[in-house]
Amino acid sequence: MKKRFTKVVTNPATGRKKTVKYGQAGKAKDGGDRIRPGTAKGDAYCARSAKIKGDWKDDPNSPNNLSRRKWKCRGDKSVG
């Protein structure tokens, strides 16, 4: 599965490394960047991703948290 970004996370207790892949691969239709914080598209993404079920809020290195950080999400809004 192709993803756009990767982050290598090291477990401080064991020293093991884990690669977390996140973000949709490719470019937007107009050739620009998909991630556009502070726009209506960003607000829609933040509102949608905030409703995802699971314990992603507890893990700062979850793919959803990492993507929300790129979109600069504050709750349901994307801050430019």
PDB file of N, CA and C in Angstrom:
ATOM      1  N   MET A   1       0.843  -1.178   0.000  1.00  0.00           N
ATOM      2  CA  MET A   1       0.000   0.000   0.000  1.00  0.00           C
ATOM      3  C   MET A   1       0.888   1.243   0.000  1.00  0.00           C
ATOM      4  N   LYS A   2       0.714   2.081  -0.993  1.00  0.00           N
ATOM      5  CA  LYS A   2       1.516   3.294  -1.120  1.00  0.00           C
ATOM      6  C   LYS A   2       0.980   4.387  -0.209  1.00  0.00           C
ATOM      7  N   LYS A   3       1.868   4.996   0.523  1.00  0.00           N
ATOM      8  CA  LYS A   3       1.543   6.145   1.349  1.00  0.00           C
ATOM      9  C   LYS A   3       2.550   7.234   1.052  1.00  0.00           C
ATOM     10  N   ARG A   4       2.187   8.458   1.362  1.00  0.00           N
ATOM     11  CA  ARG A   4       3.039   9.586   0.984  1.00  0.00           C
ATOM     12  C   ARG A   4       4.167   9.831   1.974  1.00  0.00           C
ATOM     13  N   PHE A   5       3.874   9.696   3.267  1.00  0.00           N
ATOM     14  CA  PHE A   5       4.852  10.015   4.300  1.00  0.00           C
ATOM     15  C   PHE A   5       5.161   8.789   5.143  1.00  0.00           C
ATOM     16  N   THR A   6       6.355   8.773   5.721  1.00  0.00           N
ATOM     17  CA  THR A   6       6.724   7.721   6.668  1.00  0.00           C
ATOM     18  C   THR A   6       7.401   8.372   7.867  1.00  0.00           C
ATOM     19  N   LYS A   7       7.255   7.725   9.015  1.00  0.00           N
ATOM     20  CA  LYS A   7       7.938   8.178  10.220  1.00  0.00           C
ATOM     21  C   LYS A   7       8.457   6.942  10.932  1.00  0.00           C
ATOM     22  N   VAL A   8       9.735   6.941  11.284  1.00  0.00           N
ATOM     23  CA  VAL A   8      10.331   5.826  12.010  1.00  0.00           C
ATOM     24  C   VAL A   8      10.243   6.149  13.496  1.00  0.00           C
ATOM     25  N   VAL A   9       9.558   5.264  14.230  1.00  0.00           N
ATOM     26  CA  VAL A   9       9.340   5.470  15.653  1.00  0.00           C
ATOM     27  C   VAL A   9      10.161   4.451  16.421  1.00  0.00           C
ATOM     28  N   THR A  10      10.918   4.913  17.422  1.00  0.00           N
ATOM     29  CA  THR A  10      11.736   4.033  18.231  1.00  0.00           C
ATOM     30  C   THR A  10      11.097   3.858  19.601  1.00  0.00           C
ATOM     31  N   ASN A  11      10.939   2.606  20.011  1.00  0.00           N
ATOM     32  CA  ASN A  11      10.420   2.303  21.335  1.00  0.00           C
ATOM     33  C   ASN A  11      11.533   2.566  22.344  1.00  0.00           C
ATOM     34  N   PRO A  12      11.360   3.502  23.285  1.00  0.00           N
ATOM     35  CA  PRO A  12      12.447   3.833  24.200  1.00  0.00           C
ATOM     36  C   PRO A  12      12.813   2.692  25.148  1.00  0.00           C
ATOM     37  N   ALA A  13      11.863   1.827  25.451  1.00  0.00           N
ATOM     38  CA  ALA A  13      12.137   0.735  26.379  1.00  0.00           C
ATOM     39  C   ALA A  13      12.966  -0.369  25.737  1.00  0.00           C
ATOM     40  N   THR A  14      12.625  -0.736  24.506  1.00  0.00           N
ATOM     41  CA  THR A  14      13.300  -1.864  23.868  1.00  0.00           C
ATOM     42  C   THR A  14      14.283  -1.449  22.784  1.00  0.00           C
ATOM     43  N   GLY A  15      14.129  -0.233  22.259  1.00  0.00           N
ATOM     44  CA  GLY A  15      14.996   0.216  21.183  1.00  0.00           C
ATOM     45  C   GLY A  15      14.556  -0.254  19.812  1.00  0.00           C
ATOM     46  N   ARG A  16      13.418  -0.968  19.737  1.00  0.00           N
ATOM     47  CA  ARG A  16      12.926  -1.442  18.448  1.00  0.00           C
ATOM     48  C   ARG A  16      12.359  -0.289  17.644  1.00  0.00           C
ATOM     49  N   LYS A  17      12.536  -0.400  16.342  1.00  0.00           N
ATOM     50  CA  LYS A  17      12.051   0.641  15.440  1.00  0.00           C
ATOM     51  C   LYS A  17      10.827   0.132  14.682  1.00  0.00           C
ATOM     52  N   LYS A  18       9.868   1.029  14.462  1.00  0.00           N
ATOM     53  CA  LYS A  18       8.658   0.705  13.706  1.00  0.00           C
ATOM     54  C   LYS A  18       8.421   1.833  12.711  1.00  0.00           C
ATOM     55  N   THR A  19       8.131   1.488  11.463  1.00  0.00           N
ATOM     56  CA  THR A  19       7.851   2.490  10.443  1.00  0.00           C
ATOM     57  C   THR A  19       6.352   2.681  10.337  1.00  0.00           C
ATOM     58  N   VAL A  20       5.912   3.922  10.523  1.00  0.00           N
ATOM     59  CA  VAL A  20       4.498   4.263  10.402  1.00  0.00           C
ATOM     60  C   VAL A  20       4.316   4.998   9.083  1.00  0.00           C
ATOM     61  N   LYS A  21       3.464   4.458   8.201  1.00  0.00           N
ATOM     62  CA  LYS A  21       3.187   5.086   6.917  1.00  0.00           C
ATOM     63  C   LYS A  21       1.821   5.751   7.006  1.00  0.00           C
ATOM     64  N   TYR A  22       1.712   6.955   6.435  1.00  0.00           N
ATOM     65  CA  TYR A  22       0.449   7.674   6.506  1.00  0.00           C
ATOM     66  C   TYR A  22       0.351   8.671   5.369  1.00  0.00           C
ATOM     67  N   GLY A  23      -0.860   9.128   5.098  1.00  0.00           N
ATOM     68  CA  GLY A  23      -1.100  10.135   4.067  1.00  0.00           C
ATOM     69  C   GLY A  23      -1.357   9.515   2.705  1.00  0.00           C
ATOM     70  N   GLN A  24      -2.271  10.107   1.960  1.00  0.00           N
ATOM     71  CA  GLN A  24      -2.607   9.613   0.635  1.00  0.00           C
ATOM     72  C   GLN A  24      -1.485   9.944  -0.342  1.00  0.00           C
ATOM     73  N   ALA A  25      -1.090   8.970  -1.131  1.00  0.00           N
ATOM     74  CA  ALA A  25      -0.014   9.165  -2.095  1.00  0.00           C
ATOM     75  C   ALA A  25      -0.497   9.966  -3.290  1.00  0.00           C
ATOM     76  N   GLY A  26       0.427  10.590  -3.975  1.00  0.00           N
ATOM     77  CA  GLY A  26       0.106  11.305  -5.201  1.00  0.00           C
ATOM     78  C   GLY A  26      -0.163  12.778  -4.987  1.00  0.00           C
ATOM     79  N   LYS A  27      -0.548  13.425  -6.072  1.00  0.00           N
ATOM     80  CA  LYS A  27      -0.813  14.859  -6.037  1.00  0.00           C
ATOM     81  C   LYS A  27      -2.286  15.121  -6.275  1.00  0.00           C
ATOM     82  N   ALA A  28      -2.698  16.361  -6.016  1.00  0.00           N
ATOM     83  CA  ALA A  28      -4.078  16.762  -6.266  1.00  0.00           C
ATOM     84  C   ALA A  28      -4.315  16.869  -7.774  1.00  0.00           C
ATOM     85  N   LYS A  29      -5.568  17.012  -8.148  1.00  0.00           N
ATOM     86  CA  LYS A  29      -5.947  17.043  -9.566  1.00  0.00           C
ATOM     87  C   LYS A  29      -5.249  18.175 -10.324  1.00  0.00           C
ATOM     88  N   ASP A  30      -5.074  19.319  -9.653  1.00  0.00           N
ATOM     89  CA  ASP A  30      -4.431  20.457 -10.320  1.00  0.00           C
ATOM     90  C   ASP A  30      -2.909  20.395 -10.252  1.00  0.00           C
ATOM     91  N   GLY A  31      -2.362  19.316  -9.720  1.00  0.00           N
ATOM     92  CA  GLY A  31      -0.918  19.148  -9.651  1.00  0.00           C
ATOM     93  C   GLY A  31      -0.289  19.694  -8.384  1.00  0.00           C
ATOM     94  N   GLY A  32      -1.090  20.322  -7.526  1.00  0.00           N
ATOM     95  CA  GLY A  32      -0.581  20.886  -6.279  1.00  0.00           C
ATOM     96  C   GLY A  32      -0.558  19.862  -5.162  1.00  0.00           C
ATOM     97  N   ASP A  33      -0.285  20.337  -3.975  1.00  0.00           N
ATOM     98  CA  ASP A  33      -0.233  19.479  -2.799  1.00  0.00           C
ATOM     99  C   ASP A  33      -1.642  19.142  -2.339  1.00  0.00           C
ATOM    100  N   ARG A  34      -1.847  17.911  -1.893  1.00  0.00           N
ATOM    101  CA  ARG A  34      -3.163  17.516  -1.388  1.00  0.00           C
ATOM    102  C   ARG A  34      -3.471  18.205  -0.063  1.00  0.00           C
ATOM    103  N   ILE A  35      -2.448  18.400   0.738  1.00  0.00           N
ATOM    104  CA  ILE A  35      -2.649  18.945   2.081  1.00  0.00           C
ATOM    105  C   ILE A  35      -2.673  20.465   1.995  1.00  0.00           C
ATOM    106  N   ARG A  36      -3.835  21.044   2.261  1.00  0.00           N
ATOM    107  CA  ARG A  36      -4.018  22.498   2.211  1.00  0.00           C
ATOM    108  C   ARG A  36      -4.671  22.970   3.493  1.00  0.00           C
ATOM    109  N   PRO A  37      -3.890  23.206   4.538  1.00  0.00           N
ATOM    110  CA  PRO A  37      -4.461  23.647   5.809  1.00  0.00           C
ATOM    111  C   PRO A  37      -5.128  25.009   5.675  1.00  0.00           C
ATOM    112  N   GLY A  38      -6.171  25.203   6.465  1.00  0.00           N
ATOM    113  CA  GLY A  38      -6.847  26.494   6.486  1.00  0.00           C
ATOM    114  C   GLY A  38      -7.865  26.685   5.388  1.00  0.00           C
ATOM    115  N   THR A  39      -8.172  25.647   4.631  1.00  0.00           N
ATOM    116  CA  THR A  39      -9.151  25.757   3.554  1.00  0.00           C
ATOM    117  C   THR A  39     -10.410  24.982   3.932  1.00  0.00           C
ATOM    118  N   ALA A  40     -11.436  25.087   3.103  1.00  0.00           N
ATOM    119  CA  ALA A  40     -12.663  24.321   3.329  1.00  0.00           C
ATOM    120  C   ALA A  40     -12.373  22.824   3.246  1.00  0.00           C
ATOM    121  N   LYS A  41     -11.462  22.456   2.346  1.00  0.00           N
ATOM    122  CA  LYS A  41     -11.065  21.055   2.215  1.00  0.00           C
ATOM    123  C   LYS A  41     -10.397  20.576   3.511  1.00  0.00           C
ATOM    124  N   GLY A  42      -9.580  21.444   4.103  1.00  0.00           N
ATOM    125  CA  GLY A  42      -8.929  21.110   5.365  1.00  0.00           C
ATOM    126  C   GLY A  42      -9.928  20.955   6.493  1.00  0.00           C
ATOM    127  N   ASP A  43     -10.930  21.846   6.539  1.00  0.00           N
ATOM    128  CA  ASP A  43     -11.970  21.751   7.569  1.00  0.00           C
ATOM    129  C   ASP A  43     -12.745  20.440   7.426  1.00  0.00           C
ATOM    130  N   ALA A  44     -13.045  20.063   6.179  1.00  0.00           N
ATOM    131  CA  ALA A  44     -13.775  18.823   5.927  1.00  0.00           C
ATOM    132  C   ALA A  44     -12.954  17.620   6.379  1.00  0.00           C
ATOM    133  N   TYR A  45     -11.639  17.634   6.091  1.00  0.00           N
ATOM    134  CA  TYR A  45     -10.778  16.524   6.504  1.00  0.00           C
ATOM    135  C   TYR A  45     -10.726  16.421   8.023  1.00  0.00           C
ATOM    136  N   CYS A  46     -10.552  17.550   8.702  1.00  0.00           N
ATOM    137  CA  CYS A  46     -10.428  17.530  10.161  1.00  0.00           C
ATOM    138  C   CYS A  46     -11.714  17.046  10.821  1.00  0.00           C
ATOM    139  N   ALA A  47     -12.859  17.485  10.306  1.00  0.00           N
ATOM    140  CA  ALA A  47     -14.141  17.049  10.858  1.00  0.00           C
ATOM    141  C   ALA A  47     -14.327  15.548  10.647  1.00  0.00           C
ATOM    142  N   ARG A  48     -13.947  15.061   9.465  1.00  0.00           N
ATOM    143  CA  ARG A  48     -14.110  13.645   9.137  1.00  0.00           C
ATOM    144  C   ARG A  48     -13.158  12.776   9.962  1.00  0.00           C
ATOM    145  N   SER A  49     -11.911  13.198  10.076  1.00  0.00           N
ATOM    146  CA  SER A  49     -10.916  12.369  10.765  1.00  0.00           C
ATOM    147  C   SER A  49     -11.103  12.389  12.280  1.00  0.00           C
ATOM    148  N   ALA A  50     -11.770  13.410  12.812  1.00  0.00           N
ATOM    149  CA  ALA A  50     -12.023  13.461  14.256  1.00  0.00           C
ATOM    150  C   ALA A  50     -13.039  12.412  14.686  1.00  0.00           C
ATOM    151  N   LYS A  51     -13.874  11.972  13.737  1.00  0.00           N
ATOM    152  CA  LYS A  51     -14.930  11.007  14.062  1.00  0.00           C
ATOM    153  C   LYS A  51     -14.495   9.561  13.918  1.00  0.00           C
ATOM    154  N   ILE A  52     -13.250   9.322  13.535  1.00  0.00           N
ATOM    155  CA  ILE A  52     -12.764   7.951  13.372  1.00  0.00           C
ATOM    156  C   ILE A  52     -12.721   7.278  14.739  1.00  0.00           C
ATOM    157  N   LYS A  53     -13.272   6.074  14.794  1.00  0.00           N
ATOM    158  CA  LYS A  53     -13.332   5.346  16.062  1.00  0.00           C
ATOM    159  C   LYS A  53     -11.988   4.697  16.356  1.00  0.00           C
ATOM    160  N   GLY A  54     -11.787   4.339  17.611  1.00  0.00           N
ATOM    161  CA  GLY A  54     -10.565   3.666  18.017  1.00  0.00           C
ATOM    162  C   GLY A  54      -9.805   4.499  19.036  1.00  0.00           C
ATOM    163  N   ASP A  55      -8.618   4.027  19.384  1.00  0.00           N
ATOM    164  CA  ASP A  55      -7.813   4.694  20.414  1.00  0.00           C
ATOM    165  C   ASP A  55      -6.669   5.490  19.811  1.00  0.00           C
ATOM    166  N   TRP A  56      -6.871   6.044  18.617  1.00  0.00           N
ATOM    167  CA  TRP A  56      -5.821   6.805  17.954  1.00  0.00           C
ATOM    168  C   TRP A  56      -5.459   8.069  18.713  1.00  0.00           C
ATOM    169  N   LYS A  57      -6.374   8.595  19.526  1.00  0.00           N
ATOM    170  CA  LYS A  57      -6.095   9.832  20.267  1.00  0.00           C
ATOM    171  C   LYS A  57      -5.025   9.616  21.340  1.00  0.00           C
ATOM    172  N   ASP A  58      -4.901   8.362  21.812  1.00  0.00           N
ATOM    173  CA  ASP A  58      -3.917   8.055  22.849  1.00  0.00           C
ATOM    174  C   ASP A  58      -2.507   7.859  22.290  1.00  0.00           C
ATOM    175  N   ASP A  59      -2.389   7.603  20.995  1.00  0.00           N
ATOM    176  CA  ASP A  59      -1.098   7.311  20.378  1.00  0.00           C
ATOM    177  C   ASP A  59      -0.671   8.481  19.496  1.00  0.00           C
ATOM    178  N   PRO A  60       0.335   9.253  19.897  1.00  0.00           N
ATOM    179  CA  PRO A  60       0.748  10.398  19.076  1.00  0.00           C
ATOM    180  C   PRO A  60       1.341   9.992  17.732  1.00  0.00           C
ATOM    181  N   ASN A  61       1.740   8.733  17.584  1.00  0.00           N
ATOM    182  CA  ASN A  61       2.333   8.273  16.335  1.00  0.00           C
ATOM    183  C   ASN A  61       1.378   7.428  15.504  1.00  0.00           C
ATOM    184  N   SER A  62       0.081   7.521  15.786  1.00  0.00           N
ATOM    185  CA  SER A  62      -0.888   6.814  14.955  1.00  0.00           C
ATOM    186  C   SER A  62      -0.982   7.539  13.616  1.00  0.00           C
ATOM    187  N   PRO A  63      -1.278   6.810  12.530  1.00  0.00           N
ATOM    188  CA  PRO A  63      -1.379   7.462  11.224  1.00  0.00           C
ATOM    189  C   PRO A  63      -2.396   8.600  11.210  1.00  0.00           C
ATOM    190  N   ASN A  64      -3.509   8.437  11.909  1.00  0.00           N
ATOM    191  CA  ASN A  64      -4.528   9.492  11.926  1.00  0.00           C
ATOM    192  C   ASN A  64      -4.004  10.738  12.633  1.00  0.00           C
ATOM    193  N   ASN A  65      -3.320  10.566  13.748  1.00  0.00           N
ATOM    194  CA  ASN A  65      -2.761  11.719  14.463  1.00  0.00           C
ATOM    195  C   ASN A  65      -1.692  12.420  13.638  1.00  0.00           C
ATOM    196  N   LEU A  66      -0.841  11.655  12.972  1.00  0.00           N
ATOM    197  CA  LEU A  66       0.212  12.247  12.153  1.00  0.00           C
ATOM    198  C   LEU A  66      -0.380  13.036  10.989  1.00  0.00           C
ATOM    199  N   SER A  67      -1.426  12.494  10.357  1.00  0.00           N
ATOM    200  CA  SER A  67      -2.077  13.200   9.249  1.00  0.00           C
ATOM    201  C   SER A  67      -2.766  14.460   9.740  1.00  0.00           C
ATOM    202  N   ARG A  68      -3.421  14.370  10.891  1.00  0.00           N
ATOM    203  CA  ARG A  68      -4.099  15.544  11.436  1.00  0.00           C
ATOM    204  C   ARG A  68      -3.089  16.630  11.781  1.00  0.00           C
ATOM    205  N   ARG A  69      -1.904  16.255  12.184  1.00  0.00           N
ATOM    206  CA  ARG A  69      -0.862  17.243  12.462  1.00  0.00           C
ATOM    207  C   ARG A  69      -0.438  17.955  11.183  1.00  0.00           C
ATOM    208  N   LYS A  70      -0.323  17.196  10.079  1.00  0.00           N
ATOM    209  CA  LYS A  70       0.038  17.805   8.787  1.00  0.00           C
ATOM    210  C   LYS A  70      -1.031  18.785   8.313  1.00  0.00           C
ATOM    211  N   TRP A  71      -2.301  18.440   8.556  1.00  0.00           N
ATOM    212  CA  TRP A  71      -3.416  19.299   8.149  1.00  0.00           C
ATOM    213  C   TRP A  71      -3.626  20.446   9.136  1.00  0.00           C
ATOM    214  N   LYS A  72      -2.872  20.473  10.239  1.00  0.00           N
ATOM    215  CA  LYS A  72      -2.976  21.487  11.291  1.00  0.00           C
ATOM    216  C   LYS A  72      -4.386  21.548  11.882  1.00  0.00           C
ATOM    217  N   CYS A  73      -4.884  20.381  12.250  1.00  0.00           N
ATOM    218  CA  CYS A  73      -6.236  20.291  12.795  1.00  0.00           C
ATOM    219  C   CYS A  73      -6.266  20.713  14.261  1.00  0.00           C
ATOM    220  N   ARG A  74      -7.268  21.522  14.584  1.00  0.00           N
ATOM    221  CA  ARG A  74      -7.590  21.880  15.971  1.00  0.00           C
ATOM    222  C   ARG A  74      -9.056  21.545  16.149  1.00  0.00           C
ATOM    223  N   GLY A  75      -9.333  20.347  16.657  1.00  0.00           N
ATOM    224  CA  GLY A  75     -10.711  19.890  16.750  1.00  0.00           C
ATOM    225  C   GLY A  75     -11.246  19.599  15.359  1.00  0.00           C
ATOM    226  N   ASP A  76     -12.349  20.254  14.999  1.00  0.00           N
ATOM    227  CA  ASP A  76     -12.967  20.037  13.695  1.00  0.00           C
ATOM    228  C   ASP A  76     -12.493  21.028  12.634  1.00  0.00           C
ATOM    229  N   LYS A  77     -11.610  21.930  12.984  1.00  0.00           N
ATOM    230  CA  LYS A  77     -11.179  22.978  12.058  1.00  0.00           C
ATOM    231  C   LYS A  77      -9.712  22.812  11.684  1.00  0.00           C
ATOM    232  N   SER A  78      -9.370  23.250  10.481  1.00  0.00           N
ATOM    233  CA  SER A  78      -7.988  23.270  10.012  1.00  0.00           C
ATOM    234  C   SER A  78      -7.498  24.709  10.070  1.00  0.00           C
ATOM    235  N   VAL A  79      -6.438  24.924  10.828  1.00  0.00           N
ATOM    236  CA  VAL A  79      -5.908  26.271  11.042  1.00  0.00           C
ATOM    237  C   VAL A  79      -4.782  26.519  10.056  1.00  0.00           C
ATOM    238  N   GLY A  80      -4.876  27.578   9.290  1.00  0.00           N
ATOM    239  CA  GLY A  80      -3.859  27.890   8.284  1.00  0.00           C
ATOM    240  C   GLY A  80      -2.625  28.380   8.902  1.00  0.00           C
TER     241      GLY A  80
END
